[in-house]
Amino acid sequence: MSGRGQRRGLVLLEVMVALVVLSLVGVGALELVHQSQGLAANARAWSDAVAYAEDGMELAKLGSRALRGPPGDVLPGGFRRQVTRQLASDGGYERVTVTVFLPGGGQFDLDRLAQIADDGTEQW
């Protein structure tokens, strides 16, 4: 009888160890899911920033009056956009920079050079 009682105790101990190991694996899996959701949200924010910067550059190419007013635009999702223009030292080119500020901090810059023709128009 004593051998049989020891075996039951050993089985109970094995079940408890298995539950602890299983719970550690489960917690690790949940942590991976949580981190992957954070990375996906971060990638989505950067993707939105790139889209806003490209949109701002297209508006700058069209010579939109919206971009010639105040120095910054407030965009959906807490983003801000700023367009700056700077003449090159020789005067033949203009550097256009669209900066998008992300809501959680950070920024994305998109630069293009535009050639300024003799009549004052820009050639992209």
Protein backbone atom coordinates (compact mmCIF):
# COMPACT_ATOMS: atom_id res chain seq x y z
CA MET A 1 0.00 0.00 0.00
CA SER A 2 2.79 2.39 0.72
CA GLY A 3 4.14 2.05 -2.84
CA ARG A 4 0.74 2.83 -4.25
CA GLY A 5 0.38 6.02 -2.16
CA GLN A 6 3.78 7.29 -3.29
CA ARG A 7 2.79 6.85 -6.92
CA ARG A 8 -0.33 8.98 -6.42
CA GLY A 9 1.75 11.75 -4.87
CA LEU A 10 4.19 11.61 -7.74
CA VAL A 11 1.37 11.90 -10.28
CA LEU A 12 -0.02 14.93 -8.45
CA LEU A 13 3.41 16.53 -8.45
CA GLU A 14 3.79 15.85 -12.17
CA VAL A 15 0.41 17.46 -12.88
CA MET A 16 1.35 20.54 -10.85
CA VAL A 17 4.68 20.90 -12.69
CA ALA A 18 2.90 20.47 -16.02
CA LEU A 19 0.41 23.20 -15.09
CA VAL A 20 3.22 25.59 -14.13
CA VAL A 21 5.07 24.91 -17.41
CA LEU A 22 1.86 25.29 -19.39
CA SER A 23 1.03 28.58 -17.68
CA LEU A 24 4.52 29.94 -18.42
CA VAL A 25 4.13 29.02 -22.08
CA GLY A 26 0.69 30.65 -22.14
CA VAL A 27 1.98 33.87 -20.58
CA GLY A 28 4.82 33.95 -23.10
CA ALA A 29 2.40 33.48 -26.00
CA LEU A 30 0.14 36.27 -24.72
CA GLU A 31 3.16 38.58 -24.43
CA LEU A 32 4.11 37.84 -28.05
CA VAL A 33 0.58 38.65 -29.20
CA HIS A 34 0.63 41.92 -27.25
CA GLN A 35 4.00 42.94 -28.72
CA SER A 36 2.93 42.08 -32.26
CA GLN A 37 -0.17 44.26 -31.90
CA GLY A 38 2.03 47.16 -30.76
CA LEU A 39 4.38 46.68 -33.71
CA ALA A 40 1.45 46.57 -36.13
CA ALA A 41 0.06 49.83 -34.71
CA ASN A 42 3.50 51.45 -34.99
CA ALA A 43 3.85 50.30 -38.61
CA ARG A 44 0.37 51.65 -39.36
CA ALA A 45 1.33 55.06 -37.92
CA TRP A 46 4.50 55.23 -40.02
CA SER A 47 2.54 54.18 -43.11
CA ASP A 48 0.04 56.98 -42.47
CA ALA A 49 2.91 59.45 -42.01
CA VAL A 50 4.41 58.45 -45.38
CA ALA A 51 1.01 58.82 -47.07
CA TYR A 52 0.51 62.28 -45.54
CA ALA A 53 4.00 63.33 -46.64
CA GLU A 54 3.42 62.15 -50.21
CA ASP A 55 0.07 63.94 -50.26
CA GLY A 56 1.75 67.13 -49.03
CA MET A 57 4.41 66.83 -51.73
CA GLU A 58 1.75 66.44 -54.42
CA LEU A 59 -0.04 69.53 -53.09
CA ALA A 60 3.29 71.40 -53.18
CA LYS A 61 3.82 70.30 -56.79
CA LEU A 62 0.39 71.65 -57.69
CA GLY A 63 1.22 74.93 -55.96
CA SER A 64 -1.72 74.56 -53.61
CA ARG A 65 -2.60 77.71 -51.70
CA ALA A 66 -3.35 75.54 -48.66
CA LEU A 67 0.35 74.87 -48.29
CA ARG A 68 1.38 78.50 -48.72
CA GLY A 69 -0.59 79.70 -45.70
CA PRO A 70 0.29 78.84 -42.10
CA PRO A 71 3.43 76.75 -41.63
CA GLY A 72 1.64 73.60 -40.42
CA ASP A 73 -1.41 71.48 -41.14
CA VAL A 74 -3.29 69.51 -38.51
CA LEU A 75 -4.20 66.11 -39.93
CA PRO A 76 -6.53 63.30 -38.78
CA GLY A 77 -5.17 60.93 -36.15
CA GLY A 78 -3.10 63.57 -34.34
CA PHE A 79 -0.55 64.02 -37.15
CA ARG A 80 0.85 67.41 -38.11
CA ARG A 81 2.42 68.35 -41.46
CA GLN A 82 4.79 71.16 -42.29
CA VAL A 83 6.05 72.14 -45.75
CA THR A 84 9.23 74.19 -46.13
CA ARG A 85 10.84 75.55 -49.25
CA GLN A 86 14.45 76.58 -49.47
CA LEU A 87 16.29 78.03 -52.47
CA ALA A 88 19.62 76.47 -53.35
CA SER A 89 22.70 78.68 -53.32
CA ASP A 90 22.81 78.96 -57.12
CA GLY A 91 19.12 79.87 -57.28
CA GLY A 92 18.32 77.31 -59.96
CA TYR A 93 16.80 74.77 -57.61
CA GLU A 94 14.39 74.79 -54.73
CA ARG A 95 14.41 72.15 -52.01
CA VAL A 96 10.91 71.24 -50.84
CA THR A 97 10.68 69.34 -47.56
CA VAL A 98 7.47 67.88 -46.19
CA THR A 99 7.76 66.95 -42.50
CA VAL A 100 5.06 64.87 -40.84
CA PHE A 101 5.07 64.75 -37.04
CA LEU A 102 3.67 61.54 -35.56
CA PRO A 103 1.26 61.71 -32.60
CA GLY A 104 3.46 59.64 -30.29
CA GLY A 105 6.64 61.50 -31.15
CA GLY A 106 8.96 61.15 -34.09
CA GLN A 107 8.83 62.62 -37.54
CA PHE A 108 9.10 61.63 -41.19
CA ASP A 109 10.79 63.93 -43.73
CA LEU A 110 10.29 63.77 -47.49
CA ASP A 111 12.64 65.90 -49.64
CA ARG A 112 12.45 66.76 -53.33
CA LEU A 113 14.36 69.13 -55.58
CA ALA A 114 12.45 71.31 -58.02
CA GLN A 115 14.20 73.10 -60.85
CA ILE A 116 13.16 76.72 -61.20
CA ALA A 117 12.74 77.78 -64.81
CA ASP A 118 13.52 81.27 -66.11
CA ASP A 119 9.84 82.20 -66.00
CA GLY A 120 9.67 81.30 -62.27
CA THR A 121 7.80 78.01 -62.68
CA GLU A 122 8.97 74.85 -60.95
CA GLN A 123 9.88 71.68 -62.81
CA TRP A 124 9.75 68.49 -60.77
